[in-house]
Amino acid sequence: MLMRFTIEERHLTDTDGRPITAPDAVTFRSFDAETVDDAVRLYARDEPAELIGDVLKFPGFQGVATIRKATGVYTLQVTPSSQQYHL
């Protein structure tokens, strides 16, 4: 069963390791996936991004992950959306 996940991407540091404090440092994307891990993998594939460490999972299909892209380091907060799909 696929579920829609919303991923909040928060820009943590730039390429030099300096913290990002701009208000536009947060973006949101949606992915249809079976699990939190699958949603993060889809995100990493679409962005080109590298997962740093493991996806930390919480009850209720929620999770947190850290990724690295060419523009810096980001944290991802993964939460289920209100929509789900049945195949």
N, C-alpha and C. Protein backbone atom coordinates (compact mmCIF):
# COMPACT_ATOMS: atom_id res chain seq x y z
N MET A 1 0.84 -1.17 0.00
CA MET A 1 0.00 0.00 0.00
C MET A 1 0.89 1.25 0.00
N LEU A 2 0.63 2.14 -0.93
CA LEU A 2 1.38 3.39 -0.97
C LEU A 2 0.72 4.43 -0.08
N MET A 3 1.54 5.25 0.51
CA MET A 3 1.08 6.31 1.39
C MET A 3 1.79 7.59 0.93
N ARG A 4 1.12 8.70 1.04
CA ARG A 4 1.74 9.97 0.69
C ARG A 4 2.48 10.52 1.91
N PHE A 5 3.76 10.85 1.71
CA PHE A 5 4.59 11.44 2.76
C PHE A 5 4.96 12.86 2.37
N THR A 6 4.94 13.75 3.35
CA THR A 6 5.45 15.10 3.16
C THR A 6 6.84 15.15 3.78
N ILE A 7 7.78 15.67 3.02
CA ILE A 7 9.15 15.81 3.51
C ILE A 7 9.47 17.29 3.65
N GLU A 8 9.76 17.68 4.88
CA GLU A 8 10.22 19.05 5.16
C GLU A 8 11.74 19.04 5.09
N GLU A 9 12.28 19.83 4.20
CA GLU A 9 13.73 19.92 4.03
C GLU A 9 14.21 21.23 4.66
N ARG A 10 15.09 21.12 5.64
CA ARG A 10 15.63 22.30 6.31
C ARG A 10 17.13 22.38 6.04
N HIS A 11 17.54 23.49 5.43
CA HIS A 11 18.94 23.70 5.09
C HIS A 11 19.72 24.03 6.36
N LEU A 12 20.67 23.17 6.73
CA LEU A 12 21.42 23.35 7.97
C LEU A 12 22.69 24.16 7.78
N THR A 13 23.54 23.73 6.82
CA THR A 13 24.81 24.42 6.60
C THR A 13 25.06 24.58 5.11
N ASP A 14 25.86 25.60 4.78
CA ASP A 14 26.25 25.78 3.38
C ASP A 14 27.47 24.90 3.09
N THR A 15 28.05 25.05 1.91
CA THR A 15 29.17 24.20 1.51
C THR A 15 30.42 24.43 2.35
N ASP A 16 30.51 25.59 3.02
CA ASP A 16 31.65 25.87 3.91
C ASP A 16 31.38 25.46 5.35
N GLY A 17 30.21 24.91 5.63
CA GLY A 17 29.89 24.46 6.98
C GLY A 17 29.26 25.53 7.86
N ARG A 18 28.94 26.69 7.29
CA ARG A 18 28.31 27.76 8.07
C ARG A 18 26.80 27.53 8.16
N PRO A 19 26.19 27.80 9.32
CA PRO A 19 24.75 27.60 9.48
C PRO A 19 23.94 28.52 8.57
N ILE A 20 22.79 28.04 8.14
CA ILE A 20 21.87 28.80 7.31
C ILE A 20 20.74 29.29 8.20
N THR A 21 20.43 30.59 8.16
CA THR A 21 19.36 31.13 8.99
C THR A 21 18.30 31.84 8.17
N ALA A 22 18.38 31.81 6.85
CA ALA A 22 17.41 32.48 6.00
C ALA A 22 16.03 31.84 6.13
N PRO A 23 14.97 32.66 6.08
CA PRO A 23 13.62 32.09 6.22
C PRO A 23 13.24 31.16 5.07
N ASP A 24 13.87 31.29 3.93
CA ASP A 24 13.56 30.40 2.80
C ASP A 24 14.40 29.13 2.83
N ALA A 25 14.99 28.84 3.98
CA ALA A 25 15.83 27.65 4.12
C ALA A 25 15.00 26.38 4.33
N VAL A 26 13.66 26.50 4.28
CA VAL A 26 12.78 25.35 4.48
C VAL A 26 11.92 25.18 3.23
N THR A 27 11.88 23.94 2.70
CA THR A 27 11.01 23.62 1.57
C THR A 27 10.26 22.33 1.88
N PHE A 28 9.19 22.10 1.14
CA PHE A 28 8.36 20.91 1.34
C PHE A 28 8.17 20.19 0.02
N ARG A 29 8.21 18.86 0.07
CA ARG A 29 7.96 18.02 -1.11
C ARG A 29 7.11 16.84 -0.66
N SER A 30 6.38 16.27 -1.59
CA SER A 30 5.54 15.10 -1.31
C SER A 30 5.99 13.92 -2.16
N PHE A 31 5.94 12.73 -1.56
CA PHE A 31 6.31 11.50 -2.25
C PHE A 31 5.32 10.41 -1.87
N ASP A 32 5.00 9.54 -2.82
CA ASP A 32 4.19 8.37 -2.56
C ASP A 32 5.13 7.19 -2.38
N ALA A 33 5.07 6.55 -1.22
CA ALA A 33 5.98 5.45 -0.89
C ALA A 33 5.31 4.52 0.11
N GLU A 34 5.90 3.33 0.26
CA GLU A 34 5.36 2.36 1.22
C GLU A 34 5.86 2.61 2.64
N THR A 35 7.08 3.13 2.78
CA THR A 35 7.67 3.34 4.10
C THR A 35 8.40 4.67 4.15
N VAL A 36 8.78 5.08 5.36
CA VAL A 36 9.57 6.29 5.54
C VAL A 36 10.91 6.15 4.80
N ASP A 37 11.55 4.98 4.93
CA ASP A 37 12.83 4.75 4.24
C ASP A 37 12.69 4.92 2.73
N ASP A 38 11.61 4.38 2.17
CA ASP A 38 11.38 4.50 0.73
C ASP A 38 11.18 5.96 0.32
N ALA A 39 10.46 6.73 1.13
CA ALA A 39 10.25 8.15 0.83
C ALA A 39 11.58 8.91 0.81
N VAL A 40 12.45 8.62 1.77
CA VAL A 40 13.76 9.28 1.81
C VAL A 40 14.60 8.86 0.60
N ARG A 41 14.55 7.59 0.24
CA ARG A 41 15.30 7.12 -0.94
C ARG A 41 14.82 7.81 -2.21
N LEU A 42 13.51 7.96 -2.37
CA LEU A 42 12.97 8.65 -3.53
C LEU A 42 13.43 10.10 -3.56
N TYR A 43 13.40 10.75 -2.41
CA TYR A 43 13.87 12.13 -2.31
C TYR A 43 15.34 12.22 -2.73
N ALA A 44 16.18 11.34 -2.18
CA ALA A 44 17.62 11.37 -2.47
C ALA A 44 17.88 11.12 -3.95
N ARG A 45 17.11 10.25 -4.56
CA ARG A 45 17.27 9.97 -5.99
C ARG A 45 16.88 11.18 -6.83
N ASP A 46 15.78 11.84 -6.49
CA ASP A 46 15.30 12.99 -7.26
C ASP A 46 16.17 14.22 -7.12
N GLU A 47 16.80 14.40 -5.99
CA GLU A 47 17.54 15.63 -5.70
C GLU A 47 18.96 15.67 -6.22
N PRO A 48 19.66 14.91 -6.52
CA PRO A 48 20.77 14.07 -6.14
C PRO A 48 21.31 14.45 -4.76
N ALA A 49 21.12 13.54 -3.85
CA ALA A 49 21.55 13.74 -2.47
C ALA A 49 22.10 12.43 -1.92
N GLU A 50 22.95 12.57 -0.91
CA GLU A 50 23.54 11.41 -0.24
C GLU A 50 23.00 11.35 1.19
N LEU A 51 22.45 10.22 1.56
CA LEU A 51 21.97 10.02 2.92
C LEU A 51 23.16 9.89 3.85
N ILE A 52 23.16 10.65 4.94
CA ILE A 52 24.22 10.60 5.94
C ILE A 52 23.66 9.82 7.13
N GLY A 53 24.18 8.64 7.37
CA GLY A 53 23.70 7.82 8.48
C GLY A 53 22.41 7.11 8.14
N ASP A 54 21.64 6.78 9.17
CA ASP A 54 20.40 6.04 9.02
C ASP A 54 19.21 6.98 9.14
N VAL A 55 18.07 6.50 8.68
CA VAL A 55 16.81 7.22 8.88
C VAL A 55 16.32 6.86 10.28
N LEU A 56 16.12 7.86 11.12
CA LEU A 56 15.61 7.66 12.47
C LEU A 56 14.09 7.61 12.39
N LYS A 57 13.50 6.47 12.76
CA LYS A 57 12.07 6.28 12.62
C LYS A 57 11.36 6.44 13.96
N PHE A 58 10.15 7.01 13.90
CA PHE A 58 9.31 7.22 15.06
C PHE A 58 7.95 6.58 14.81
N PRO A 59 7.16 6.34 15.86
CA PRO A 59 5.82 5.76 15.67
C PRO A 59 4.96 6.66 14.76
N GLY A 60 4.05 6.03 14.06
CA GLY A 60 3.13 6.79 13.22
C GLY A 60 3.70 7.12 11.86
N PHE A 61 4.62 6.32 11.35
CA PHE A 61 5.22 6.54 10.02
C PHE A 61 5.92 7.90 9.93
N GLN A 62 6.64 8.29 10.95
CA GLN A 62 7.39 9.53 10.94
C GLN A 62 8.87 9.22 11.02
N GLY A 63 9.70 10.12 10.51
CA GLY A 63 11.13 9.89 10.55
C GLY A 63 11.92 11.17 10.33
N VAL A 64 13.21 11.07 10.62
CA VAL A 64 14.15 12.18 10.43
C VAL A 64 15.40 11.61 9.77
N ALA A 65 15.94 12.36 8.81
CA ALA A 65 17.15 11.94 8.13
C ALA A 65 18.02 13.16 7.86
N THR A 66 19.29 12.94 7.65
CA THR A 66 20.23 13.99 7.27
C THR A 66 20.81 13.63 5.92
N ILE A 67 20.85 14.62 5.03
CA ILE A 67 21.38 14.39 3.69
C ILE A 67 22.41 15.46 3.33
N ARG A 68 23.23 15.13 2.36
CA ARG A 68 24.20 16.09 1.82
C ARG A 68 23.93 16.25 0.34
N LYS A 69 23.82 17.52 -0.10
CA LYS A 69 23.70 17.85 -1.52
C LYS A 69 24.86 18.76 -1.87
N ALA A 70 24.98 19.11 -3.12
CA ALA A 70 26.06 20.00 -3.55
C ALA A 70 25.96 21.37 -2.88
N THR A 71 24.78 21.76 -2.45
CA THR A 71 24.57 23.08 -1.85
C THR A 71 24.70 23.09 -0.33
N GLY A 72 24.94 21.93 0.30
CA GLY A 72 25.12 21.90 1.74
C GLY A 72 24.49 20.68 2.38
N VAL A 73 24.29 20.78 3.69
CA VAL A 73 23.72 19.68 4.50
C VAL A 73 22.31 20.08 4.90
N TYR A 74 21.41 19.10 4.86
CA TYR A 74 20.00 19.32 5.15
C TYR A 74 19.49 18.26 6.10
N THR A 75 18.47 18.63 6.88
CA THR A 75 17.75 17.64 7.65
C THR A 75 16.37 17.48 7.02
N LEU A 76 15.89 16.25 7.01
CA LEU A 76 14.57 15.95 6.46
C LEU A 76 13.67 15.45 7.58
N GLN A 77 12.50 16.03 7.67
CA GLN A 77 11.48 15.51 8.58
C GLN A 77 10.39 14.91 7.72
N VAL A 78 10.14 13.63 7.90
CA VAL A 78 9.19 12.89 7.08
C VAL A 78 7.94 12.61 7.90
N THR A 79 6.78 13.01 7.38
CA THR A 79 5.53 12.77 8.06
C THR A 79 4.48 12.30 7.05
N PRO A 80 3.55 11.47 7.45
CA PRO A 80 2.50 11.05 6.52
C PRO A 80 1.54 12.20 6.26
N SER A 81 1.09 12.30 5.03
CA SER A 81 0.06 13.28 4.68
C SER A 81 -1.31 12.65 4.94
N SER A 82 -2.35 13.41 4.74
CA SER A 82 -3.68 12.90 5.02
C SER A 82 -4.20 11.99 3.93
N GLN A 83 -3.51 11.91 2.79
CA GLN A 83 -3.98 11.08 1.68
C GLN A 83 -3.19 9.79 1.63
N GLN A 84 -3.85 8.70 1.29
CA GLN A 84 -3.14 7.44 1.04
C GLN A 84 -3.79 6.77 -0.15
N TYR A 85 -3.02 5.93 -0.81
CA TYR A 85 -3.49 5.28 -2.03
C TYR A 85 -3.49 3.78 -1.83
N HIS A 86 -4.41 3.11 -2.45
CA HIS A 86 -4.48 1.66 -2.43
C HIS A 86 -4.32 1.18 -3.86
N LEU A 87 -3.40 0.26 -4.08
CA LEU A 87 -3.21 -0.31 -5.42
C LEU A 87 -4.10 -1.50 -5.63
